[in-house]
Amino acid sequence: MKDFKTYYAVIFTSTQTANIEGYGEMAQKMEDLAKQQEGFISIDSARETVGITVSYWESLDAIKIWKQNSEHLLAQQKGRQQWYRWYNAKICKVEREYEFGDK
């Protein structure tokens, strides 16, 4: 059994408006920026009718710093004004994980 260190997941679930111009570019920019933040672990994302993005962080402090990042704040504002009809964010403590098969 491998060593496991508790970490945190931010689960961001959303539905978009019809006006998603510039969304893809901003989403990629935010992912690239998050990867540079101290405490960032990884990110998973899927989008169909409902979008789900889960980012993984070493600590609650790392999540707080990311949420307050000036470029991220601008993206959040643009999201509320233009891209999202609805969104929900959950911060969860991951205490255990397991997987099956090849990625």
PDB file of N, CA and C in Angstrom:
ATOM      1  N   MET A   1       0.838  -1.179   0.000  1.00  0.00           N
ATOM      2  CA  MET A   1       0.000   0.000   0.000  1.00  0.00           C
ATOM      3  C   MET A   1       0.883   1.242   0.000  1.00  0.00           C
ATOM      4  N   LYS A   2       0.624   2.166  -0.919  1.00  0.00           N
ATOM      5  CA  LYS A   2       1.447   3.373  -0.997  1.00  0.00           C
ATOM      6  C   LYS A   2       1.063   4.349   0.112  1.00  0.00           C
ATOM      7  N   ASP A   3       2.032   5.184   0.490  1.00  0.00           N
ATOM      8  CA  ASP A   3       1.756   6.225   1.479  1.00  0.00           C
ATOM      9  C   ASP A   3       0.728   7.185   0.914  1.00  0.00           C
ATOM     10  N   PHE A   4      -0.176   7.640   1.780  1.00  0.00           N
ATOM     11  CA  PHE A   4      -1.209   8.557   1.340  1.00  0.00           C
ATOM     12  C   PHE A   4      -1.195   9.792   2.209  1.00  0.00           C
ATOM     13  N   LYS A   5      -1.140  10.934   1.583  1.00  0.00           N
ATOM     14  CA  LYS A   5      -1.191  12.205   2.290  1.00  0.00           C
ATOM     15  C   LYS A   5      -2.527  12.872   1.962  1.00  0.00           C
ATOM     16  N   THR A   6      -3.247  13.261   2.994  1.00  0.00           N
ATOM     17  CA  THR A   6      -4.521  13.944   2.804  1.00  0.00           C
ATOM     18  C   THR A   6      -4.318  15.209   1.975  1.00  0.00           C
ATOM     19  N   TYR A   7      -5.253  15.503   1.087  1.00  0.00           N
ATOM     20  CA  TYR A   7      -5.208  16.717   0.286  1.00  0.00           C
ATOM     21  C   TYR A   7      -6.629  17.209   0.077  1.00  0.00           C
ATOM     22  N   TYR A   8      -6.798  18.258  -0.697  1.00  0.00           N
ATOM     23  CA  TYR A   8      -8.104  18.888  -0.868  1.00  0.00           C
ATOM     24  C   TYR A   8      -8.480  18.959  -2.341  1.00  0.00           C
ATOM     25  N   ALA A   9      -9.783  18.884  -2.591  1.00  0.00           N
ATOM     26  CA  ALA A   9     -10.317  18.993  -3.949  1.00  0.00           C
ATOM     27  C   ALA A   9     -11.312  20.150  -3.996  1.00  0.00           C
ATOM     28  N   VAL A  10     -11.186  20.977  -5.023  1.00  0.00           N
ATOM     29  CA  VAL A  10     -12.173  22.012  -5.296  1.00  0.00           C
ATOM     30  C   VAL A  10     -12.978  21.510  -6.487  1.00  0.00           C
ATOM     31  N   ILE A  11     -14.261  21.252  -6.257  1.00  0.00           N
ATOM     32  CA  ILE A  11     -15.142  20.734  -7.309  1.00  0.00           C
ATOM     33  C   ILE A  11     -15.981  21.903  -7.806  1.00  0.00           C
ATOM     34  N   PHE A  12     -15.762  22.288  -9.058  1.00  0.00           N
ATOM     35  CA  PHE A  12     -16.465  23.420  -9.657  1.00  0.00           C
ATOM     36  C   PHE A  12     -17.394  22.862 -10.736  1.00  0.00           C
ATOM     37  N   THR A  13     -18.691  22.980 -10.506  1.00  0.00           N
ATOM     38  CA  THR A  13     -19.715  22.480 -11.418  1.00  0.00           C
ATOM     39  C   THR A  13     -20.449  23.678 -11.998  1.00  0.00           C
ATOM     40  N   SER A  14     -20.724  23.664 -13.314  1.00  0.00           N
ATOM     41  CA  SER A  14     -21.328  24.852 -13.928  1.00  0.00           C
ATOM     42  C   SER A  14     -22.172  24.506 -15.151  1.00  0.00           C
ATOM     43  N   THR A  15     -23.073  25.438 -15.462  1.00  0.00           N
ATOM     44  CA  THR A  15     -23.750  25.446 -16.760  1.00  0.00           C
ATOM     45  C   THR A  15     -23.439  26.795 -17.390  1.00  0.00           C
ATOM     46  N   GLN A  16     -23.300  26.797 -18.712  1.00  0.00           N
ATOM     47  CA  GLN A  16     -22.868  28.005 -19.409  1.00  0.00           C
ATOM     48  C   GLN A  16     -24.025  28.725 -20.091  1.00  0.00           C
ATOM     49  N   THR A  17     -23.775  29.986 -20.380  1.00  0.00           N
ATOM     50  CA  THR A  17     -24.684  30.771 -21.202  1.00  0.00           C
ATOM     51  C   THR A  17     -24.396  30.434 -22.666  1.00  0.00           C
ATOM     52  N   ALA A  18     -25.136  31.053 -23.566  1.00  0.00           N
ATOM     53  CA  ALA A  18     -24.883  30.868 -24.994  1.00  0.00           C
ATOM     54  C   ALA A  18     -23.648  31.655 -25.437  1.00  0.00           C
ATOM     55  N   ASN A  19     -23.246  32.658 -24.667  1.00  0.00           N
ATOM     56  CA  ASN A  19     -22.132  33.531 -25.034  1.00  0.00           C
ATOM     57  C   ASN A  19     -20.848  33.062 -24.358  1.00  0.00           C
ATOM     58  N   ILE A  20     -20.159  32.114 -25.004  1.00  0.00           N
ATOM     59  CA  ILE A  20     -18.939  31.578 -24.404  1.00  0.00           C
ATOM     60  C   ILE A  20     -17.682  32.039 -25.152  1.00  0.00           C
ATOM     61  N   GLU A  21     -17.796  33.129 -25.899  1.00  0.00           N
ATOM     62  CA  GLU A  21     -16.650  33.663 -26.626  1.00  0.00           C
ATOM     63  C   GLU A  21     -15.510  33.950 -25.653  1.00  0.00           C
ATOM     64  N   GLY A  22     -14.339  33.403 -25.947  1.00  0.00           N
ATOM     65  CA  GLY A  22     -13.159  33.608 -25.122  1.00  0.00           C
ATOM     66  C   GLY A  22     -13.038  32.662 -23.933  1.00  0.00           C
ATOM     67  N   TYR A  23     -14.067  31.843 -23.713  1.00  0.00           N
ATOM     68  CA  TYR A  23     -14.063  30.950 -22.552  1.00  0.00           C
ATOM     69  C   TYR A  23     -12.927  29.925 -22.614  1.00  0.00           C
ATOM     70  N   GLY A  24     -12.767  29.264 -23.743  1.00  0.00           N
ATOM     71  CA  GLY A  24     -11.746  28.223 -23.882  1.00  0.00           C
ATOM     72  C   GLY A  24     -10.348  28.740 -23.618  1.00  0.00           C
ATOM     73  N   GLU A  25     -10.064  29.914 -24.162  1.00  0.00           N
ATOM     74  CA  GLU A  25      -8.749  30.514 -23.963  1.00  0.00           C
ATOM     75  C   GLU A  25      -8.524  30.855 -22.486  1.00  0.00           C
ATOM     76  N   MET A  26      -9.552  31.420 -21.851  1.00  0.00           N
ATOM     77  CA  MET A  26      -9.416  31.778 -20.439  1.00  0.00           C
ATOM     78  C   MET A  26      -9.287  30.536 -19.573  1.00  0.00           C
ATOM     79  N   ALA A  27     -10.053  29.493 -19.878  1.00  0.00           N
ATOM     80  CA  ALA A  27      -9.962  28.252 -19.100  1.00  0.00           C
ATOM     81  C   ALA A  27      -8.545  27.680 -19.182  1.00  0.00           C
ATOM     82  N   GLN A  28      -7.957  27.702 -20.373  1.00  0.00           N
ATOM     83  CA  GLN A  28      -6.594  27.197 -20.531  1.00  0.00           C
ATOM     84  C   GLN A  28      -5.600  28.074 -19.782  1.00  0.00           C
ATOM     85  N   LYS A  29      -5.780  29.383 -19.850  1.00  0.00           N
ATOM     86  CA  LYS A  29      -4.905  30.314 -19.133  1.00  0.00           C
ATOM     87  C   LYS A  29      -4.974  30.066 -17.625  1.00  0.00           C
ATOM     88  N   MET A  30      -6.192  29.837 -17.095  1.00  0.00           N
ATOM     89  CA  MET A  30      -6.350  29.596 -15.667  1.00  0.00           C
ATOM     90  C   MET A  30      -5.716  28.270 -15.262  1.00  0.00           C
ATOM     91  N   GLU A  31      -5.843  27.256 -16.096  1.00  0.00           N
ATOM     92  CA  GLU A  31      -5.203  25.969 -15.789  1.00  0.00           C
ATOM     93  C   GLU A  31      -3.692  26.129 -15.757  1.00  0.00           C
ATOM     94  N   ASP A  32      -3.135  26.821 -16.751  1.00  0.00           N
ATOM     95  CA  ASP A  32      -1.688  27.035 -16.792  1.00  0.00           C
ATOM     96  C   ASP A  32      -1.216  27.829 -15.571  1.00  0.00           C
ATOM     97  N   LEU A  33      -1.977  28.840 -15.191  1.00  0.00           N
ATOM     98  CA  LEU A  33      -1.626  29.662 -14.038  1.00  0.00           C
ATOM     99  C   LEU A  33      -1.730  28.866 -12.736  1.00  0.00           C
ATOM    100  N   ALA A  34      -2.786  28.075 -12.592  1.00  0.00           N
ATOM    101  CA  ALA A  34      -2.957  27.256 -11.387  1.00  0.00           C
ATOM    102  C   ALA A  34      -1.791  26.294 -11.214  1.00  0.00           C
ATOM    103  N   LYS A  35      -1.320  25.734 -12.313  1.00  0.00           N
ATOM    104  CA  LYS A  35      -0.207  24.785 -12.255  1.00  0.00           C
ATOM    105  C   LYS A  35       1.070  25.427 -11.713  1.00  0.00           C
ATOM    106  N   GLN A  36       1.165  26.742 -11.795  1.00  0.00           N
ATOM    107  CA  GLN A  36       2.335  27.464 -11.295  1.00  0.00           C
ATOM    108  C   GLN A  36       2.211  27.821  -9.804  1.00  0.00           C
ATOM    109  N   GLN A  37       1.019  27.656  -9.249  1.00  0.00           N
ATOM    110  CA  GLN A  37       0.776  28.047  -7.867  1.00  0.00           C
ATOM    111  C   GLN A  37       1.329  27.007  -6.898  1.00  0.00           C
ATOM    112  N   GLU A  38       1.941  27.487  -5.830  1.00  0.00           N
ATOM    113  CA  GLU A  38       2.425  26.587  -4.805  1.00  0.00           C
ATOM    114  C   GLU A  38       1.242  25.848  -4.175  1.00  0.00           C
ATOM    115  N   GLY A  39       1.396  24.557  -4.002  1.00  0.00           N
ATOM    116  CA  GLY A  39       0.342  23.742  -3.402  1.00  0.00           C
ATOM    117  C   GLY A  39      -0.584  23.082  -4.412  1.00  0.00           C
ATOM    118  N   PHE A  40      -0.467  23.443  -5.699  1.00  0.00           N
ATOM    119  CA  PHE A  40      -1.283  22.809  -6.732  1.00  0.00           C
ATOM    120  C   PHE A  40      -0.786  21.384  -6.952  1.00  0.00           C
ATOM    121  N   ILE A  41      -1.739  20.443  -7.102  1.00  0.00           N
ATOM    122  CA  ILE A  41      -1.375  19.047  -7.361  1.00  0.00           C
ATOM    123  C   ILE A  41      -1.720  18.662  -8.794  1.00  0.00           C
ATOM    124  N   SER A  42      -3.014  18.782  -9.161  1.00  0.00           N
ATOM    125  CA  SER A  42      -3.437  18.403 -10.509  1.00  0.00           C
ATOM    126  C   SER A  42      -4.856  18.909 -10.755  1.00  0.00           C
ATOM    127  N   ILE A  43      -5.358  18.618 -11.962  1.00  0.00           N
ATOM    128  CA  ILE A  43      -6.704  19.066 -12.338  1.00  0.00           C
ATOM    129  C   ILE A  43      -7.332  18.048 -13.283  1.00  0.00           C
ATOM    130  N   ASP A  44      -8.637  17.848 -13.127  1.00  0.00           N
ATOM    131  CA  ASP A  44      -9.437  17.015 -14.031  1.00  0.00           C
ATOM    132  C   ASP A  44     -10.622  17.854 -14.480  1.00  0.00           C
ATOM    133  N   SER A  45     -11.041  17.691 -15.737  1.00  0.00           N
ATOM    134  CA  SER A  45     -12.149  18.502 -16.231  1.00  0.00           C
ATOM    135  C   SER A  45     -12.927  17.756 -17.305  1.00  0.00           C
ATOM    136  N   ALA A  46     -14.243  17.977 -17.309  1.00  0.00           N
ATOM    137  CA  ALA A  46     -15.123  17.416 -18.340  1.00  0.00           C
ATOM    138  C   ALA A  46     -16.241  18.417 -18.595  1.00  0.00           C
ATOM    139  N   ARG A  47     -16.627  18.550 -19.860  1.00  0.00           N
ATOM    140  CA  ARG A  47     -17.701  19.477 -20.182  1.00  0.00           C
ATOM    141  C   ARG A  47     -18.610  18.829 -21.214  1.00  0.00           C
ATOM    142  N   GLU A  48     -19.865  18.843 -20.914  1.00  0.00           N
ATOM    143  CA  GLU A  48     -20.916  18.431 -21.848  1.00  0.00           C
ATOM    144  C   GLU A  48     -22.044  19.423 -21.611  1.00  0.00           C
ATOM    145  N   THR A  49     -23.186  18.977 -21.159  1.00  0.00           N
ATOM    146  CA  THR A  49     -24.265  19.893 -20.784  1.00  0.00           C
ATOM    147  C   THR A  49     -23.902  20.623 -19.499  1.00  0.00           C
ATOM    148  N   VAL A  50     -23.305  19.888 -18.574  1.00  0.00           N
ATOM    149  CA  VAL A  50     -22.818  20.440 -17.314  1.00  0.00           C
ATOM    150  C   VAL A  50     -21.303  20.273 -17.300  1.00  0.00           C
ATOM    151  N   GLY A  51     -20.583  21.312 -16.884  1.00  0.00           N
ATOM    152  CA  GLY A  51     -19.136  21.225 -16.787  1.00  0.00           C
ATOM    153  C   GLY A  51     -18.726  20.910 -15.365  1.00  0.00           C
ATOM    154  N   ILE A  52     -17.713  20.069 -15.239  1.00  0.00           N
ATOM    155  CA  ILE A  52     -17.169  19.749 -13.921  1.00  0.00           C
ATOM    156  C   ILE A  52     -15.647  19.842 -14.012  1.00  0.00           C
ATOM    157  N   THR A  53     -15.083  20.671 -13.178  1.00  0.00           N
ATOM    158  CA  THR A  53     -13.632  20.783 -13.063  1.00  0.00           C
ATOM    159  C   THR A  53     -13.269  20.545 -11.612  1.00  0.00           C
ATOM    160  N   VAL A  54     -12.322  19.645 -11.392  1.00  0.00           N
ATOM    161  CA  VAL A  54     -11.863  19.346 -10.040  1.00  0.00           C
ATOM    162  C   VAL A  54     -10.369  19.652  -9.999  1.00  0.00           C
ATOM    163  N   SER A  55     -10.008  20.590  -9.145  1.00  0.00           N
ATOM    164  CA  SER A  55      -8.587  20.871  -8.936  1.00  0.00           C
ATOM    165  C   SER A  55      -8.194  20.348  -7.562  1.00  0.00           C
ATOM    166  N   TYR A  56      -6.955  19.879  -7.474  1.00  0.00           N
ATOM    167  CA  TYR A  56      -6.468  19.234  -6.255  1.00  0.00           C
ATOM    168  C   TYR A  56      -5.322  20.058  -5.666  1.00  0.00           C
ATOM    169  N   TRP A  57      -5.374  20.245  -4.351  1.00  0.00           N
ATOM    170  CA  TRP A  57      -4.463  21.150  -3.663  1.00  0.00           C
ATOM    171  C   TRP A  57      -3.935  20.504  -2.397  1.00  0.00           C
ATOM    172  N   GLU A  58      -2.716  20.902  -2.008  1.00  0.00           N
ATOM    173  CA  GLU A  58      -2.090  20.358  -0.814  1.00  0.00           C
ATOM    174  C   GLU A  58      -2.711  20.882   0.474  1.00  0.00           C
ATOM    175  N   SER A  59      -3.304  22.092   0.442  1.00  0.00           N
ATOM    176  CA  SER A  59      -3.808  22.682   1.682  1.00  0.00           C
ATOM    177  C   SER A  59      -4.948  23.662   1.405  1.00  0.00           C
ATOM    178  N   LEU A  60      -5.688  23.980   2.454  1.00  0.00           N
ATOM    179  CA  LEU A  60      -6.726  25.008   2.349  1.00  0.00           C
ATOM    180  C   LEU A  60      -6.111  26.381   2.104  1.00  0.00           C
ATOM    181  N   ASP A  61      -4.930  26.627   2.646  1.00  0.00           N
ATOM    182  CA  ASP A  61      -4.249  27.901   2.398  1.00  0.00           C
ATOM    183  C   ASP A  61      -3.904  28.066   0.917  1.00  0.00           C
ATOM    184  N   ALA A  62      -3.461  26.996   0.270  1.00  0.00           N
ATOM    185  CA  ALA A  62      -3.144  27.063  -1.158  1.00  0.00           C
ATOM    186  C   ALA A  62      -4.396  27.395  -1.971  1.00  0.00           C
ATOM    187  N   ILE A  63      -5.526  26.829  -1.593  1.00  0.00           N
ATOM    188  CA  ILE A  63      -6.802  27.126  -2.278  1.00  0.00           C
ATOM    189  C   ILE A  63      -7.176  28.587  -2.074  1.00  0.00           C
ATOM    190  N   LYS A  64      -7.016  29.078  -0.866  1.00  0.00           N
ATOM    191  CA  LYS A  64      -7.352  30.474  -0.568  1.00  0.00           C
ATOM    192  C   LYS A  64      -6.487  31.431  -1.383  1.00  0.00           C
ATOM    193  N   ILE A  65      -5.203  31.146  -1.466  1.00  0.00           N
ATOM    194  CA  ILE A  65      -4.296  31.989  -2.253  1.00  0.00           C
ATOM    195  C   ILE A  65      -4.693  31.963  -3.727  1.00  0.00           C
ATOM    196  N   TRP A  66      -5.030  30.792  -4.249  1.00  0.00           N
ATOM    197  CA  TRP A  66      -5.460  30.676  -5.644  1.00  0.00           C
ATOM    198  C   TRP A  66      -6.740  31.472  -5.883  1.00  0.00           C
ATOM    199  N   LYS A  67      -7.705  31.363  -4.996  1.00  0.00           N
ATOM    200  CA  LYS A  67      -8.970  32.083  -5.153  1.00  0.00           C
ATOM    201  C   LYS A  67      -8.746  33.589  -5.195  1.00  0.00           C
ATOM    202  N   GLN A  68      -7.723  34.077  -4.499  1.00  0.00           N
ATOM    203  CA  GLN A  68      -7.456  35.504  -4.438  1.00  0.00           C
ATOM    204  C   GLN A  68      -6.455  35.994  -5.483  1.00  0.00           C
ATOM    205  N   ASN A  69      -5.952  35.104  -6.333  1.00  0.00           N
ATOM    206  CA  ASN A  69      -5.027  35.495  -7.393  1.00  0.00           C
ATOM    207  C   ASN A  69      -5.696  36.529  -8.295  1.00  0.00           C
ATOM    208  N   SER A  70      -5.011  37.632  -8.605  1.00  0.00           N
ATOM    209  CA  SER A  70      -5.630  38.745  -9.336  1.00  0.00           C
ATOM    210  C   SER A  70      -6.149  38.330 -10.716  1.00  0.00           C
ATOM    211  N   GLU A  71      -5.406  37.520 -11.445  1.00  0.00           N
ATOM    212  CA  GLU A  71      -5.883  37.069 -12.762  1.00  0.00           C
ATOM    213  C   GLU A  71      -7.080  36.134 -12.618  1.00  0.00           C
ATOM    214  N   HIS A  72      -7.054  35.301 -11.592  1.00  0.00           N
ATOM    215  CA  HIS A  72      -8.174  34.405 -11.336  1.00  0.00           C
ATOM    216  C   HIS A  72      -9.418  35.206 -10.945  1.00  0.00           C
ATOM    217  N   LEU A  73      -9.248  36.277 -10.160  1.00  0.00           N
ATOM    218  CA  LEU A  73     -10.371  37.140  -9.796  1.00  0.00           C
ATOM    219  C   LEU A  73     -11.017  37.754 -11.039  1.00  0.00           C
ATOM    220  N   LEU A  74     -10.204  38.169 -12.008  1.00  0.00           N
ATOM    221  CA  LEU A  74     -10.752  38.721 -13.261  1.00  0.00           C
ATOM    222  C   LEU A  74     -11.527  37.659 -14.039  1.00  0.00           C
ATOM    223  N   ALA A  75     -11.000  36.440 -14.073  1.00  0.00           N
ATOM    224  CA  ALA A  75     -11.690  35.344 -14.765  1.00  0.00           C
ATOM    225  C   ALA A  75     -13.015  35.022 -14.067  1.00  0.00           C
ATOM    226  N   GLN A  76     -13.020  35.059 -12.730  1.00  0.00           N
ATOM    227  CA  GLN A  76     -14.256  34.810 -11.986  1.00  0.00           C
ATOM    228  C   GLN A  76     -15.314  35.865 -12.334  1.00  0.00           C
ATOM    229  N   GLN A  77     -14.888  37.106 -12.374  1.00  0.00           N
ATOM    230  CA  GLN A  77     -15.814  38.196 -12.703  1.00  0.00           C
ATOM    231  C   GLN A  77     -16.374  38.030 -14.111  1.00  0.00           C
ATOM    232  N   LYS A  78     -15.526  37.721 -15.069  1.00  0.00           N
ATOM    233  CA  LYS A  78     -15.972  37.506 -16.457  1.00  0.00           C
ATOM    234  C   LYS A  78     -16.938  36.319 -16.513  1.00  0.00           C
ATOM    235  N   GLY A  79     -16.661  35.290 -15.751  1.00  0.00           N
ATOM    236  CA  GLY A  79     -17.542  34.124 -15.707  1.00  0.00           C
ATOM    237  C   GLY A  79     -18.932  34.488 -15.229  1.00  0.00           C
ATOM    238  N   ARG A  80     -19.012  35.267 -14.156  1.00  0.00           N
ATOM    239  CA  ARG A  80     -20.322  35.677 -13.633  1.00  0.00           C
ATOM    240  C   ARG A  80     -21.046  36.613 -14.609  1.00  0.00           C
ATOM    241  N   GLN A  81     -20.314  37.461 -15.283  1.00  0.00           N
ATOM    242  CA  GLN A  81     -20.924  38.432 -16.185  1.00  0.00           C
ATOM    243  C   GLN A  81     -21.317  37.838 -17.533  1.00  0.00           C
ATOM    244  N   GLN A  82     -20.551  36.851 -18.020  1.00  0.00           N
ATOM    245  CA  GLN A  82     -20.746  36.407 -19.402  1.00  0.00           C
ATOM    246  C   GLN A  82     -20.940  34.906 -19.583  1.00  0.00           C
ATOM    247  N   TRP A  83     -20.105  34.079 -18.966  1.00  0.00           N
ATOM    248  CA  TRP A  83     -20.039  32.677 -19.361  1.00  0.00           C
ATOM    249  C   TRP A  83     -20.955  31.727 -18.610  1.00  0.00           C
ATOM    250  N   TYR A  84     -21.271  32.008 -17.345  1.00  0.00           N
ATOM    251  CA  TYR A  84     -22.008  31.036 -16.537  1.00  0.00           C
ATOM    252  C   TYR A  84     -23.453  31.455 -16.276  1.00  0.00           C
ATOM    253  N   ARG A  85     -24.361  30.507 -16.488  1.00  0.00           N
ATOM    254  CA  ARG A  85     -25.749  30.682 -16.035  1.00  0.00           C
ATOM    255  C   ARG A  85     -25.832  30.342 -14.551  1.00  0.00           C
ATOM    256  N   TRP A  86     -25.029  29.349 -14.162  1.00  0.00           N
ATOM    257  CA  TRP A  86     -25.043  28.837 -12.791  1.00  0.00           C
ATOM    258  C   TRP A  86     -23.711  28.165 -12.525  1.00  0.00           C
ATOM    259  N   TYR A  87     -23.259  28.244 -11.282  1.00  0.00           N
ATOM    260  CA  TYR A  87     -22.117  27.426 -10.863  1.00  0.00           C
ATOM    261  C   TYR A  87     -22.188  27.134  -9.374  1.00  0.00           C
ATOM    262  N   ASN A  88     -21.454  26.111  -8.984  1.00  0.00           N
ATOM    263  CA  ASN A  88     -21.375  25.691  -7.596  1.00  0.00           C
ATOM    264  C   ASN A  88     -19.940  25.248  -7.345  1.00  0.00           C
ATOM    265  N   ALA A  89     -19.385  25.648  -6.220  1.00  0.00           N
ATOM    266  CA  ALA A  89     -18.037  25.219  -5.856  1.00  0.00           C
ATOM    267  C   ALA A  89     -18.083  24.530  -4.499  1.00  0.00           C
ATOM    268  N   LYS A  90     -17.419  23.402  -4.414  1.00  0.00           N
ATOM    269  CA  LYS A  90     -17.326  22.645  -3.173  1.00  0.00           C
ATOM    270  C   LYS A  90     -15.857  22.400  -2.876  1.00  0.00           C
ATOM    271  N   ILE A  91     -15.472  22.548  -1.625  1.00  0.00           N
ATOM    272  CA  ILE A  91     -14.113  22.233  -1.206  1.00  0.00           C
ATOM    273  C   ILE A  91     -14.197  21.025  -0.286  1.00  0.00           C
ATOM    274  N   CYS A  92     -13.487  19.979  -0.655  1.00  0.00           N
ATOM    275  CA  CYS A  92     -13.586  18.700   0.049  1.00  0.00           C
ATOM    276  C   CYS A  92     -12.202  18.214   0.475  1.00  0.00           C
ATOM    277  N   LYS A  93     -12.153  17.574   1.610  1.00  0.00           N
ATOM    278  CA  LYS A  93     -10.930  16.942   2.083  1.00  0.00           C
ATOM    279  C   LYS A  93     -10.903  15.503   1.573  1.00  0.00           C
ATOM    280  N   VAL A  94      -9.839  15.140   0.876  1.00  0.00           N
ATOM    281  CA  VAL A  94      -9.700  13.783   0.350  1.00  0.00           C
ATOM    282  C   VAL A  94      -8.886  12.983   1.355  1.00  0.00           C
ATOM    283  N   GLU A  95      -9.515  11.983   1.913  1.00  0.00           N
ATOM    284  CA  GLU A  95      -8.868  11.178   2.943  1.00  0.00           C
ATOM    285  C   GLU A  95      -8.414   9.818   2.448  1.00  0.00           C
ATOM    286  N   ARG A  96      -8.934   9.430   1.291  1.00  0.00           N
ATOM    287  CA  ARG A  96      -8.596   8.120   0.737  1.00  0.00           C
ATOM    288  C   ARG A  96      -8.866   8.168  -0.750  1.00  0.00           C
ATOM    289  N   GLU A  97      -8.120   7.385  -1.505  1.00  0.00           N
ATOM    290  CA  GLU A  97      -8.386   7.262  -2.940  1.00  0.00           C
ATOM    291  C   GLU A  97      -7.981   5.877  -3.415  1.00  0.00           C
ATOM    292  N   TYR A  98      -8.576   5.457  -4.495  1.00  0.00           N
ATOM    293  CA  TYR A  98      -8.180   4.218  -5.145  1.00  0.00           C
ATOM    294  C   TYR A  98      -8.577   4.313  -6.606  1.00  0.00           C
ATOM    295  N   GLU A  99      -8.018   3.448  -7.432  1.00  0.00           N
ATOM    296  CA  GLU A  99      -8.332   3.465  -8.863  1.00  0.00           C
ATOM    297  C   GLU A  99      -8.199   2.064  -9.438  1.00  0.00           C
ATOM    298  N   PHE A 100      -8.695   1.933 -10.638  1.00  0.00           N
ATOM    299  CA  PHE A 100      -8.627   0.677 -11.356  1.00  0.00           C
ATOM    300  C   PHE A 100      -8.202   0.952 -12.787  1.00  0.00           C
ATOM    301  N   GLY A 101      -7.392   0.103 -13.339  1.00  0.00           N
ATOM    302  CA  GLY A 101      -7.079   0.120 -14.763  1.00  0.00           C
ATOM    303  C   GLY A 101      -6.050   1.150 -15.197  1.00  0.00           C
ATOM    304  N   ASP A 102      -5.850   1.179 -16.514  1.00  0.00           N
ATOM    305  CA  ASP A 102      -4.890   2.087 -17.142  1.00  0.00           C
ATOM    306  C   ASP A 102      -5.569   3.406 -17.469  1.00  0.00           C
ATOM    307  N   LYS A 103      -4.811   4.476 -17.353  1.00  0.00           N
ATOM    308  CA  LYS A 103      -5.313   5.799 -17.758  1.00  0.00           C
ATOM    309  C   LYS A 103      -5.134   5.989 -19.230  1.00  0.00           C
TER     310      LYS A 103
END
